[in-house]
Amino acid sequence: MKKPLTPLQIRVSKLKEVAADAREKLAAEVFAVSRIEEAMSAEAVKGYTTLTVMPPLPLDLSGTEAARELLRQLTEAGARCEWQPRRPTGPDGPIVQALTISW
C-alpha cells in the first residue's frame, strides 16, 4: 500500500506545477511564431541569416510546448534550429538554452 503524501509533499508538487505553467506561459510569448517571424525579418533586412533567441529570464524553455511547436514550424519552412547553452548573467550564472535559427 502506498503511503499518503504529507502536506509538504503536496505543496512541493503544486509548486512544480506552478513553475512549469509559468515557463509554458513565458515560452508562448517568447516563441510566438509571429514574433519570431518579425525578428527574423528584421535581421534579414540587415543582411543576417541567423537569429538567436534568449529568454528574458534565465530559464530553460527548450522543453516547452511552444518551443517544440516553433521548431516544428520553422523546420518545415526550411530553417535550421539549434539549442545552444549560454550564460547570460555572467560566467557564474545559470546555463540557459538559447535558440539559434538559421535560414
PDB file of N, CA and C in Angstrom:
ATOM      1  N   MET A   1       0.839  -1.185   0.000  1.00  0.00           N
ATOM      2  CA  MET A   1       0.000   0.000   0.000  1.00  0.00           C
ATOM      3  C   MET A   1       0.887   1.252   0.000  1.00  0.00           C
ATOM      4  N   LYS A   2       0.483   2.194  -0.796  1.00  0.00           N
ATOM      5  CA  LYS A   2       1.259   3.431  -0.938  1.00  0.00           C
ATOM      6  C   LYS A   2       0.997   4.352   0.250  1.00  0.00           C
ATOM      7  N   LYS A   3       2.069   4.927   0.731  1.00  0.00           N
ATOM      8  CA  LYS A   3       1.996   5.853   1.854  1.00  0.00           C
ATOM      9  C   LYS A   3       1.359   7.172   1.412  1.00  0.00           C
ATOM     10  N   PRO A   4       0.451   7.743   2.203  1.00  0.00           N
ATOM     11  CA  PRO A   4      -0.159   9.028   1.804  1.00  0.00           C
ATOM     12  C   PRO A   4       0.883  10.152   1.801  1.00  0.00           C
ATOM     13  N   LEU A   5       0.656  11.111   0.915  1.00  0.00           N
ATOM     14  CA  LEU A   5       1.563  12.254   0.819  1.00  0.00           C
ATOM     15  C   LEU A   5       1.400  13.174   2.019  1.00  0.00           C
ATOM     16  N   THR A   6       2.508  13.748   2.425  1.00  0.00           N
ATOM     17  CA  THR A   6       2.469  14.724   3.514  1.00  0.00           C
ATOM     18  C   THR A   6       2.031  16.067   2.939  1.00  0.00           C
ATOM     19  N   PRO A   7       1.589  16.983   3.779  1.00  0.00           N
ATOM     20  CA  PRO A   7       1.224  18.322   3.277  1.00  0.00           C
ATOM     21  C   PRO A   7       2.379  18.998   2.524  1.00  0.00           C
ATOM     22  N   LEU A   8       3.600  18.811   3.000  1.00  0.00           N
ATOM     23  CA  LEU A   8       4.750  19.427   2.323  1.00  0.00           C
ATOM     24  C   LEU A   8       4.973  18.791   0.954  1.00  0.00           C
ATOM     25  N   GLN A   9       4.825  17.491   0.840  1.00  0.00           N
ATOM     26  CA  GLN A   9       4.968  16.825  -0.449  1.00  0.00           C
ATOM     27  C   GLN A   9       3.910  17.323  -1.433  1.00  0.00           C
ATOM     28  N   ILE A  10       2.707  17.510  -0.949  1.00  0.00           N
ATOM     29  CA  ILE A  10       1.632  18.034  -1.791  1.00  0.00           C
ATOM     30  C   ILE A  10       1.973  19.447  -2.254  1.00  0.00           C
ATOM     31  N   ARG A  11       2.473  20.266  -1.324  1.00  0.00           N
ATOM     32  CA  ARG A  11       2.830  21.657  -1.649  1.00  0.00           C
ATOM     33  C   ARG A  11       3.958  21.718  -2.675  1.00  0.00           C
ATOM     34  N   VAL A  12       4.982  20.893  -2.478  1.00  0.00           N
ATOM     35  CA  VAL A  12       6.111  20.870  -3.411  1.00  0.00           C
ATOM     36  C   VAL A  12       5.633  20.435  -4.793  1.00  0.00           C
ATOM     37  N   SER A  13       4.766  19.454  -4.846  1.00  0.00           N
ATOM     38  CA  SER A  13       4.216  19.004  -6.116  1.00  0.00           C
ATOM     39  C   SER A  13       3.463  20.138  -6.823  1.00  0.00           C
ATOM     40  N   LYS A  14       2.684  20.889  -6.074  1.00  0.00           N
ATOM     41  CA  LYS A  14       1.935  22.017  -6.650  1.00  0.00           C
ATOM     42  C   LYS A  14       2.881  23.113  -7.120  1.00  0.00           C
ATOM     43  N   LEU A  15       3.950  23.363  -6.364  1.00  0.00           N
ATOM     44  CA  LEU A  15       4.928  24.385  -6.769  1.00  0.00           C
ATOM     45  C   LEU A  15       5.612  24.005  -8.079  1.00  0.00           C
ATOM     46  N   LYS A  16       5.880  22.714  -8.266  1.00  0.00           N
ATOM     47  CA  LYS A  16       6.454  22.257  -9.533  1.00  0.00           C
ATOM     48  C   LYS A  16       5.501  22.556 -10.683  1.00  0.00           C
ATOM     49  N   GLU A  17       4.218  22.328 -10.460  1.00  0.00           N
ATOM     50  CA  GLU A  17       3.217  22.612 -11.485  1.00  0.00           C
ATOM     51  C   GLU A  17       3.149  24.108 -11.782  1.00  0.00           C
ATOM     52  N   VAL A  18       3.201  24.926 -10.734  1.00  0.00           N
ATOM     53  CA  VAL A  18       3.157  26.387 -10.910  1.00  0.00           C
ATOM     54  C   VAL A  18       4.355  26.853 -11.741  1.00  0.00           C
ATOM     55  N   ALA A  19       5.541  26.334 -11.426  1.00  0.00           N
ATOM     56  CA  ALA A  19       6.749  26.718 -12.158  1.00  0.00           C
ATOM     57  C   ALA A  19       6.665  26.265 -13.616  1.00  0.00           C
ATOM     58  N   ALA A  20       6.179  25.057 -13.845  1.00  0.00           N
ATOM     59  CA  ALA A  20       6.042  24.554 -15.218  1.00  0.00           C
ATOM     60  C   ALA A  20       5.038  25.400 -16.002  1.00  0.00           C
ATOM     61  N   ASP A  21       3.928  25.757 -15.360  1.00  0.00           N
ATOM     62  CA  ASP A  21       2.932  26.612 -16.022  1.00  0.00           C
ATOM     63  C   ASP A  21       3.518  27.976 -16.359  1.00  0.00           C
ATOM     64  N   ALA A  22       4.329  28.529 -15.447  1.00  0.00           N
ATOM     65  CA  ALA A  22       4.945  29.835 -15.690  1.00  0.00           C
ATOM     66  C   ALA A  22       5.915  29.763 -16.867  1.00  0.00           C
ATOM     67  N   ARG A  23       6.694  28.670 -16.955  1.00  0.00           N
ATOM     68  CA  ARG A  23       7.617  28.510 -18.085  1.00  0.00           C
ATOM     69  C   ARG A  23       6.847  28.379 -19.401  1.00  0.00           C
ATOM     70  N   GLU A  24       5.752  27.628 -19.381  1.00  0.00           N
ATOM     71  CA  GLU A  24       4.942  27.472 -20.597  1.00  0.00           C
ATOM     72  C   GLU A  24       4.371  28.816 -21.045  1.00  0.00           C
ATOM     73  N   LYS A  25       3.894  29.602 -20.081  1.00  0.00           N
ATOM     74  CA  LYS A  25       3.313  30.911 -20.411  1.00  0.00           C
ATOM     75  C   LYS A  25       4.374  31.839 -21.013  1.00  0.00           C
ATOM     76  N   LEU A  26       5.535  31.884 -20.404  1.00  0.00           N
ATOM     77  CA  LEU A  26       6.618  32.727 -20.912  1.00  0.00           C
ATOM     78  C   LEU A  26       7.055  32.251 -22.292  1.00  0.00           C
ATOM     79  N   ALA A  27       7.178  30.949 -22.465  1.00  0.00           N
ATOM     80  CA  ALA A  27       7.595  30.396 -23.752  1.00  0.00           C
ATOM     81  C   ALA A  27       6.593  30.736 -24.851  1.00  0.00           C
ATOM     82  N   ALA A  28       5.307  30.742 -24.515  1.00  0.00           N
ATOM     83  CA  ALA A  28       4.287  31.088 -25.505  1.00  0.00           C
ATOM     84  C   ALA A  28       4.484  32.514 -26.007  1.00  0.00           C
ATOM     85  N   GLU A  29       4.956  33.397 -25.143  1.00  0.00           N
ATOM     86  CA  GLU A  29       5.237  34.783 -25.552  1.00  0.00           C
ATOM     87  C   GLU A  29       6.538  34.865 -26.344  1.00  0.00           C
ATOM     88  N   VAL A  30       7.595  34.274 -25.799  1.00  0.00           N
ATOM     89  CA  VAL A  30       8.924  34.364 -26.416  1.00  0.00           C
ATOM     90  C   VAL A  30       8.959  33.683 -27.778  1.00  0.00           C
ATOM     91  N   PHE A  31       8.297  32.533 -27.900  1.00  0.00           N
ATOM     92  CA  PHE A  31       8.376  31.727 -29.117  1.00  0.00           C
ATOM     93  C   PHE A  31       7.126  31.829 -29.991  1.00  0.00           C
ATOM     94  N   ALA A  32       6.375  32.903 -29.847  1.00  0.00           N
ATOM     95  CA  ALA A  32       5.217  33.112 -30.727  1.00  0.00           C
ATOM     96  C   ALA A  32       5.720  33.220 -32.165  1.00  0.00           C
ATOM     97  N   VAL A  33       5.110  32.468 -33.048  1.00  0.00           N
ATOM     98  CA  VAL A  33       5.577  32.413 -34.438  1.00  0.00           C
ATOM     99  C   VAL A  33       5.621  33.803 -35.062  1.00  0.00           C
ATOM    100  N   SER A  34       4.593  34.606 -34.843  1.00  0.00           N
ATOM    101  CA  SER A  34       4.576  35.949 -35.442  1.00  0.00           C
ATOM    102  C   SER A  34       5.730  36.804 -34.918  1.00  0.00           C
ATOM    103  N   ARG A  35       6.028  36.683 -33.655  1.00  0.00           N
ATOM    104  CA  ARG A  35       7.133  37.449 -33.057  1.00  0.00           C
ATOM    105  C   ARG A  35       8.474  37.016 -33.647  1.00  0.00           C
ATOM    106  N   ILE A  36       8.646  35.709 -33.808  1.00  0.00           N
ATOM    107  CA  ILE A  36       9.898  35.186 -34.355  1.00  0.00           C
ATOM    108  C   ILE A  36      10.032  35.573 -35.831  1.00  0.00           C
ATOM    109  N   GLU A  37       8.940  35.498 -36.576  1.00  0.00           N
ATOM    110  CA  GLU A  37       8.965  35.915 -37.987  1.00  0.00           C
ATOM    111  C   GLU A  37       9.390  37.373 -38.113  1.00  0.00           C
ATOM    112  N   GLU A  38       8.845  38.230 -37.258  1.00  0.00           N
ATOM    113  CA  GLU A  38       9.220  39.655 -37.275  1.00  0.00           C
ATOM    114  C   GLU A  38      10.705  39.835 -36.993  1.00  0.00           C
ATOM    115  N   ALA A  39      11.191  39.122 -35.972  1.00  0.00           N
ATOM    116  CA  ALA A  39      12.607  39.239 -35.598  1.00  0.00           C
ATOM    117  C   ALA A  39      13.507  38.716 -36.708  1.00  0.00           C
ATOM    118  N   MET A  40      13.112  37.626 -37.349  1.00  0.00           N
ATOM    119  CA  MET A  40      13.899  37.090 -38.466  1.00  0.00           C
ATOM    120  C   MET A  40      13.929  38.088 -39.620  1.00  0.00           C
ATOM    121  N   SER A  41      12.806  38.693 -39.913  1.00  0.00           N
ATOM    122  CA  SER A  41      12.737  39.690 -40.992  1.00  0.00           C
ATOM    123  C   SER A  41      13.623  40.883 -40.692  1.00  0.00           C
ATOM    124  N   ALA A  42      13.586  41.332 -39.428  1.00  0.00           N
ATOM    125  CA  ALA A  42      14.413  42.479 -39.029  1.00  0.00           C
ATOM    126  C   ALA A  42      15.896  42.168 -39.199  1.00  0.00           C
ATOM    127  N   GLU A  43      16.295  40.943 -38.909  1.00  0.00           N
ATOM    128  CA  GLU A  43      17.701  40.562 -39.084  1.00  0.00           C
ATOM    129  C   GLU A  43      18.036  40.400 -40.563  1.00  0.00           C
ATOM    130  N   ALA A  44      17.118  39.836 -41.337  1.00  0.00           N
ATOM    131  CA  ALA A  44      17.368  39.599 -42.768  1.00  0.00           C
ATOM    132  C   ALA A  44      17.586  40.899 -43.523  1.00  0.00           C
ATOM    133  N   VAL A  45      16.812  41.949 -43.201  1.00  0.00           N
ATOM    134  CA  VAL A  45      16.997  43.219 -43.923  1.00  0.00           C
ATOM    135  C   VAL A  45      18.344  43.867 -43.599  1.00  0.00           C
ATOM    136  N   LYS A  46      18.980  43.434 -42.523  1.00  0.00           N
ATOM    137  CA  LYS A  46      20.330  43.910 -42.196  1.00  0.00           C
ATOM    138  C   LYS A  46      21.399  43.044 -42.859  1.00  0.00           C
ATOM    139  N   GLY A  47      20.952  41.943 -43.514  1.00  0.00           N
ATOM    140  CA  GLY A  47      21.903  41.062 -44.176  1.00  0.00           C
ATOM    141  C   GLY A  47      22.230  39.797 -43.398  1.00  0.00           C
ATOM    142  N   TYR A  48      21.689  39.649 -42.229  1.00  0.00           N
ATOM    143  CA  TYR A  48      21.964  38.462 -41.419  1.00  0.00           C
ATOM    144  C   TYR A  48      21.109  37.284 -41.854  1.00  0.00           C
ATOM    145  N   THR A  49      21.596  36.089 -41.589  1.00  0.00           N
ATOM    146  CA  THR A  49      20.846  34.865 -41.884  1.00  0.00           C
ATOM    147  C   THR A  49      20.663  34.009 -40.633  1.00  0.00           C
ATOM    148  N   THR A  50      20.869  34.626 -39.485  1.00  0.00           N
ATOM    149  CA  THR A  50      20.754  33.911 -38.216  1.00  0.00           C
ATOM    150  C   THR A  50      20.102  34.812 -37.176  1.00  0.00           C
ATOM    151  N   LEU A  51      19.303  34.204 -36.340  1.00  0.00           N
ATOM    152  CA  LEU A  51      18.684  34.895 -35.210  1.00  0.00           C
ATOM    153  C   LEU A  51      18.881  34.032 -33.976  1.00  0.00           C
ATOM    154  N   THR A  52      19.324  34.644 -32.883  1.00  0.00           N
ATOM    155  CA  THR A  52      19.434  33.936 -31.609  1.00  0.00           C
ATOM    156  C   THR A  52      18.378  34.493 -30.668  1.00  0.00           C
ATOM    157  N   VAL A  53      17.593  33.598 -30.101  1.00  0.00           N
ATOM    158  CA  VAL A  53      16.502  33.975 -29.203  1.00  0.00           C
ATOM    159  C   VAL A  53      16.855  33.528 -27.787  1.00  0.00           C
ATOM    160  N   MET A  54      16.943  34.518 -26.893  1.00  0.00           N
ATOM    161  CA  MET A  54      17.229  34.243 -25.476  1.00  0.00           C
ATOM    162  C   MET A  54      15.989  34.552 -24.649  1.00  0.00           C
ATOM    163  N   PRO A  55      15.643  33.702 -23.712  1.00  0.00           N
ATOM    164  CA  PRO A  55      14.531  34.047 -22.824  1.00  0.00           C
ATOM    165  C   PRO A  55      14.888  35.281 -21.995  1.00  0.00           C
ATOM    166  N   PRO A  56      13.890  36.090 -21.626  1.00  0.00           N
ATOM    167  CA  PRO A  56      14.171  37.297 -20.843  1.00  0.00           C
ATOM    168  C   PRO A  56      14.588  36.995 -19.405  1.00  0.00           C
ATOM    169  N   LEU A  57      14.321  35.788 -18.945  1.00  0.00           N
ATOM    170  CA  LEU A  57      14.730  35.336 -17.614  1.00  0.00           C
ATOM    171  C   LEU A  57      15.633  34.126 -17.792  1.00  0.00           C
ATOM    172  N   PRO A  58      16.535  33.874 -16.853  1.00  0.00           N
ATOM    173  CA  PRO A  58      17.439  32.726 -17.006  1.00  0.00           C
ATOM    174  C   PRO A  58      16.719  31.400 -16.727  1.00  0.00           C
ATOM    175  N   LEU A  59      15.820  31.047 -17.639  1.00  0.00           N
ATOM    176  CA  LEU A  59      15.045  29.814 -17.540  1.00  0.00           C
ATOM    177  C   LEU A  59      15.245  28.982 -18.792  1.00  0.00           C
ATOM    178  N   ASP A  60      15.230  27.674 -18.645  1.00  0.00           N
ATOM    179  CA  ASP A  60      15.319  26.786 -19.794  1.00  0.00           C
ATOM    180  C   ASP A  60      13.917  26.559 -20.333  1.00  0.00           C
ATOM    181  N   LEU A  61      13.631  27.123 -21.489  1.00  0.00           N
ATOM    182  CA  LEU A  61      12.317  26.993 -22.117  1.00  0.00           C
ATOM    183  C   LEU A  61      12.333  25.998 -23.271  1.00  0.00           C
ATOM    184  N   SER A  62      13.455  25.326 -23.462  1.00  0.00           N
ATOM    185  CA  SER A  62      13.606  24.449 -24.623  1.00  0.00           C
ATOM    186  C   SER A  62      12.646  23.260 -24.626  1.00  0.00           C
ATOM    187  N   GLY A  63      12.185  22.841 -23.474  1.00  0.00           N
ATOM    188  CA  GLY A  63      11.296  21.684 -23.406  1.00  0.00           C
ATOM    189  C   GLY A  63       9.821  22.025 -23.403  1.00  0.00           C
ATOM    190  N   THR A  64       9.483  23.278 -23.647  1.00  0.00           N
ATOM    191  CA  THR A  64       8.079  23.688 -23.588  1.00  0.00           C
ATOM    192  C   THR A  64       7.350  23.354 -24.885  1.00  0.00           C
ATOM    193  N   GLU A  65       6.047  23.295 -24.783  1.00  0.00           N
ATOM    194  CA  GLU A  65       5.217  23.026 -25.958  1.00  0.00           C
ATOM    195  C   GLU A  65       5.393  24.120 -27.012  1.00  0.00           C
ATOM    196  N   ALA A  66       5.460  25.378 -26.576  1.00  0.00           N
ATOM    197  CA  ALA A  66       5.629  26.490 -27.519  1.00  0.00           C
ATOM    198  C   ALA A  66       6.948  26.372 -28.285  1.00  0.00           C
ATOM    199  N   ALA A  67       8.002  25.973 -27.613  1.00  0.00           N
ATOM    200  CA  ALA A  67       9.297  25.806 -28.271  1.00  0.00           C
ATOM    201  C   ALA A  67       9.246  24.657 -29.276  1.00  0.00           C
ATOM    202  N   ARG A  68       8.654  23.543 -28.876  1.00  0.00           N
ATOM    203  CA  ARG A  68       8.546  22.394 -29.787  1.00  0.00           C
ATOM    204  C   ARG A  68       7.735  22.754 -31.038  1.00  0.00           C
ATOM    205  N   GLU A  69       6.638  23.485 -30.847  1.00  0.00           N
ATOM    206  CA  GLU A  69       5.793  23.865 -31.979  1.00  0.00           C
ATOM    207  C   GLU A  69       6.522  24.838 -32.908  1.00  0.00           C
ATOM    208  N   LEU A  70       7.247  25.802 -32.338  1.00  0.00           N
ATOM    209  CA  LEU A  70       8.006  26.743 -33.165  1.00  0.00           C
ATOM    210  C   LEU A  70       9.054  25.993 -33.984  1.00  0.00           C
ATOM    211  N   LEU A  71       9.796  25.100 -33.345  1.00  0.00           N
ATOM    212  CA  LEU A  71      10.813  24.336 -34.067  1.00  0.00           C
ATOM    213  C   LEU A  71      10.193  23.505 -35.183  1.00  0.00           C
ATOM    214  N   ARG A  72       9.042  22.920 -34.928  1.00  0.00           N
ATOM    215  CA  ARG A  72       8.365  22.128 -35.953  1.00  0.00           C
ATOM    216  C   ARG A  72       8.039  23.001 -37.166  1.00  0.00           C
ATOM    217  N   GLN A  73       7.449  24.171 -36.899  1.00  0.00           N
ATOM    218  CA  GLN A  73       7.064  25.063 -38.000  1.00  0.00           C
ATOM    219  C   GLN A  73       8.277  25.602 -38.753  1.00  0.00           C
ATOM    220  N   LEU A  74       9.298  26.001 -38.018  1.00  0.00           N
ATOM    221  CA  LEU A  74      10.497  26.540 -38.664  1.00  0.00           C
ATOM    222  C   LEU A  74      11.193  25.472 -39.505  1.00  0.00           C
ATOM    223  N   THR A  75      11.289  24.272 -38.980  1.00  0.00           N
ATOM    224  CA  THR A  75      11.937  23.181 -39.704  1.00  0.00           C
ATOM    225  C   THR A  75      11.163  22.850 -40.975  1.00  0.00           C
ATOM    226  N   GLU A  76       9.844  22.799 -40.855  1.00  0.00           N
ATOM    227  CA  GLU A  76       9.010  22.549 -42.042  1.00  0.00           C
ATOM    228  C   GLU A  76       9.178  23.647 -43.092  1.00  0.00           C
ATOM    229  N   ALA A  77       9.466  24.873 -42.641  1.00  0.00           N
ATOM    230  CA  ALA A  77       9.647  26.006 -43.551  1.00  0.00           C
ATOM    231  C   ALA A  77      11.057  26.058 -44.149  1.00  0.00           C
ATOM    232  N   GLY A  78      11.942  25.172 -43.689  1.00  0.00           N
ATOM    233  CA  GLY A  78      13.285  25.121 -44.251  1.00  0.00           C
ATOM    234  C   GLY A  78      14.360  25.781 -43.412  1.00  0.00           C
ATOM    235  N   ALA A  79      14.017  26.254 -42.233  1.00  0.00           N
ATOM    236  CA  ALA A  79      15.021  26.870 -41.351  1.00  0.00           C
ATOM    237  C   ALA A  79      15.725  25.776 -40.542  1.00  0.00           C
ATOM    238  N   ARG A  80      16.897  26.103 -40.068  1.00  0.00           N
ATOM    239  CA  ARG A  80      17.639  25.210 -39.178  1.00  0.00           C
ATOM    240  C   ARG A  80      17.565  25.788 -37.771  1.00  0.00           C
ATOM    241  N   CYS A  81      17.349  24.924 -36.796  1.00  0.00           N
ATOM    242  CA  CYS A  81      17.218  25.368 -35.407  1.00  0.00           C
ATOM    243  C   CYS A  81      18.175  24.564 -34.532  1.00  0.00           C
ATOM    244  N   GLU A  82      18.822  25.262 -33.602  1.00  0.00           N
ATOM    245  CA  GLU A  82      19.759  24.598 -32.708  1.00  0.00           C
ATOM    246  C   GLU A  82      19.716  25.267 -31.339  1.00  0.00           C
ATOM    247  N   TRP A  83      19.638  24.442 -30.303  1.00  0.00           N
ATOM    248  CA  TRP A  83      19.722  24.965 -28.932  1.00  0.00           C
ATOM    249  C   TRP A  83      21.187  25.042 -28.548  1.00  0.00           C
ATOM    250  N   GLN A  84      21.593  26.177 -27.994  1.00  0.00           N
ATOM    251  CA  GLN A  84      22.977  26.373 -27.581  1.00  0.00           C
ATOM    252  C   GLN A  84      23.010  26.875 -26.141  1.00  0.00           C
ATOM    253  N   PRO A  85      23.842  26.262 -25.298  1.00  0.00           N
ATOM    254  CA  PRO A  85      23.938  26.727 -23.907  1.00  0.00           C
ATOM    255  C   PRO A  85      24.635  28.079 -23.828  1.00  0.00           C
ATOM    256  N   ARG A  86      24.081  28.957 -23.033  1.00  0.00           N
ATOM    257  CA  ARG A  86      24.658  30.294 -22.809  1.00  0.00           C
ATOM    258  C   ARG A  86      24.587  30.617 -21.321  1.00  0.00           C
ATOM    259  N   ARG A  87      25.416  31.539 -20.899  1.00  0.00           N
ATOM    260  CA  ARG A  87      25.377  32.064 -19.528  1.00  0.00           C
ATOM    261  C   ARG A  87      25.117  33.563 -19.613  1.00  0.00           C
ATOM    262  N   PRO A  88      23.845  33.977 -19.743  1.00  0.00           N
ATOM    263  CA  PRO A  88      23.541  35.387 -19.983  1.00  0.00           C
ATOM    264  C   PRO A  88      23.835  36.309 -18.807  1.00  0.00           C
ATOM    265  N   THR A  89      23.938  35.752 -17.610  1.00  0.00           N
ATOM    266  CA  THR A  89      24.157  36.606 -16.440  1.00  0.00           C
ATOM    267  C   THR A  89      25.614  36.606 -15.980  1.00  0.00           C
ATOM    268  N   GLY A  90      26.518  36.012 -16.778  1.00  0.00           N
ATOM    269  CA  GLY A  90      27.925  36.006 -16.424  1.00  0.00           C
ATOM    270  C   GLY A  90      28.461  34.605 -16.252  1.00  0.00           C
ATOM    271  N   PRO A  91      29.782  34.482 -16.039  1.00  0.00           N
ATOM    272  CA  PRO A  91      30.425  33.169 -16.016  1.00  0.00           C
ATOM    273  C   PRO A  91      29.953  32.256 -14.879  1.00  0.00           C
ATOM    274  N   ASP A  92      29.440  32.824 -13.820  1.00  0.00           N
ATOM    275  CA  ASP A  92      28.970  32.008 -12.703  1.00  0.00           C
ATOM    276  C   ASP A  92      27.455  31.829 -12.707  1.00  0.00           C
ATOM    277  N   GLY A  93      26.790  32.414 -13.691  1.00  0.00           N
ATOM    278  CA  GLY A  93      25.338  32.350 -13.756  1.00  0.00           C
ATOM    279  C   GLY A  93      24.840  31.016 -14.277  1.00  0.00           C
ATOM    280  N   PRO A  94      23.537  30.851 -14.246  1.00  0.00           N
ATOM    281  CA  PRO A  94      22.968  29.593 -14.725  1.00  0.00           C
ATOM    282  C   PRO A  94      23.094  29.461 -16.241  1.00  0.00           C
ATOM    283  N   ILE A  95      23.168  28.229 -16.688  1.00  0.00           N
ATOM    284  CA  ILE A  95      23.204  27.954 -18.126  1.00  0.00           C
ATOM    285  C   ILE A  95      21.773  27.976 -18.638  1.00  0.00           C
ATOM    286  N   VAL A  96      21.578  28.732 -19.719  1.00  0.00           N
ATOM    287  CA  VAL A  96      20.266  28.862 -20.346  1.00  0.00           C
ATOM    288  C   VAL A  96      20.396  28.400 -21.791  1.00  0.00           C
ATOM    289  N   GLN A  97      19.380  27.712 -22.293  1.00  0.00           N
ATOM    290  CA  GLN A  97      19.387  27.273 -23.686  1.00  0.00           C
ATOM    291  C   GLN A  97      18.868  28.413 -24.569  1.00  0.00           C
ATOM    292  N   ALA A  98      19.711  28.881 -25.470  1.00  0.00           N
ATOM    293  CA  ALA A  98      19.329  29.905 -26.444  1.00  0.00           C
ATOM    294  C   ALA A  98      19.020  29.194 -27.759  1.00  0.00           C
ATOM    295  N   LEU A  99      18.001  29.668 -28.435  1.00  0.00           N
ATOM    296  CA  LEU A  99      17.620  29.078 -29.721  1.00  0.00           C
ATOM    297  C   LEU A  99      18.253  29.877 -30.848  1.00  0.00           C
ATOM    298  N   THR A 100      19.049  29.216 -31.667  1.00  0.00           N
ATOM    299  CA  THR A 100      19.639  29.839 -32.851  1.00  0.00           C
ATOM    300  C   THR A 100      18.904  29.320 -34.073  1.00  0.00           C
ATOM    301  N   ILE A 101      18.379  30.253 -34.848  1.00  0.00           N
ATOM    302  CA  ILE A 101      17.615  29.933 -36.051  1.00  0.00           C
ATOM    303  C   ILE A 101      18.415  30.451 -37.243  1.00  0.00           C
ATOM    304  N   SER A 102      18.626  29.592 -38.227  1.00  0.00           N
ATOM    305  CA  SER A 102      19.344  29.981 -39.446  1.00  0.00           C
ATOM    306  C   SER A 102      18.460  29.704 -40.650  1.00  0.00           C
ATOM    307  N   TRP A 103      18.601  30.582 -41.652  1.00  0.00           N
ATOM    308  CA  TRP A 103      17.815  30.402 -42.877  1.00  0.00           C
ATOM    309  C   TRP A 103      18.679  30.689 -44.088  1.00  0.00           C
TER     310      TRP A 103
END
